[in-house]
Amino acid sequence: MGDKLEELVKKIAAKNLREEAKKRGIKTACVKKIDIAKQLPREVVEELVRSQV
């Protein structure tokens, strides 16, 4: 699962990922994209990928 998640995260703009995290109260300062994605529900990450294309 980790490798798949990394591939998904590469397709998401950091700005969009941080916005979703902030909506859920997840800390975004000084945190890598992959660490934010691990805290978000999987379906949210997949939806962000679909919206990027």
Protein backbone atom coordinates (compact mmCIF):
# COMPACT_ATOMS: atom_id res chain seq x y z
CA MET A 1 0.00 0.00 0.00
CA GLY A 2 2.82 2.42 0.78
CA ASP A 3 4.24 2.36 -2.74
CA LYS A 4 0.80 2.87 -4.26
CA LEU A 5 0.14 5.81 -1.94
CA GLU A 6 3.45 7.40 -2.93
CA GLU A 7 2.49 7.15 -6.61
CA LEU A 8 -0.87 8.82 -5.90
CA VAL A 9 0.71 11.61 -3.87
CA LYS A 10 3.10 12.46 -6.71
CA LYS A 11 0.07 13.29 -8.86
CA ILE A 12 -1.48 15.69 -6.33
CA ALA A 13 -0.54 19.36 -6.03
CA ALA A 14 0.74 20.16 -2.53
CA LYS A 15 -1.68 23.08 -2.27
CA ASN A 16 -4.71 20.84 -2.81
CA LEU A 17 -3.43 18.24 -0.37
CA ARG A 18 -2.84 20.87 2.32
CA GLU A 19 -6.31 22.36 1.83
CA GLU A 20 -7.94 18.98 2.43
CA ALA A 21 -5.77 18.40 5.48
CA LYS A 22 -6.67 21.79 6.96
CA LYS A 23 -10.38 21.00 6.54
CA ARG A 24 -9.82 17.97 8.76
CA GLY A 25 -7.63 19.69 11.33
CA ILE A 26 -4.43 17.95 10.25
CA LYS A 27 -1.18 19.85 10.79
CA THR A 28 0.37 20.94 7.49
CA ALA A 29 3.33 23.12 8.50
CA CYS A 30 6.72 21.47 7.98
CA VAL A 31 5.15 18.20 6.91
CA LYS A 32 5.89 16.27 3.70
CA LYS A 33 3.11 15.53 1.23
CA ILE A 34 3.32 11.79 1.90
CA ASP A 35 2.90 12.31 5.64
CA ILE A 36 -0.19 14.43 5.08
CA ALA A 37 -1.63 11.82 2.71
CA LYS A 38 -1.11 9.04 5.28
CA GLN A 39 -3.33 10.95 7.71
CA LEU A 40 -6.11 11.56 5.19
CA PRO A 41 -8.72 8.91 4.37
CA ARG A 42 -7.72 6.88 1.31
CA GLU A 43 -10.83 7.90 -0.62
CA VAL A 44 -9.96 11.60 -0.17
CA VAL A 45 -6.49 11.03 -1.63
CA GLU A 46 -7.96 9.12 -4.58
CA GLU A 47 -10.51 11.89 -5.20
CA LEU A 48 -7.73 14.49 -5.23
CA VAL A 49 -5.89 12.46 -7.85
CA ARG A 50 -9.02 12.26 -10.02
CA SER A 51 -9.55 16.02 -9.75
CA GLN A 52 -5.95 16.69 -10.91
CA VAL A 53 -6.37 14.93 -14.24
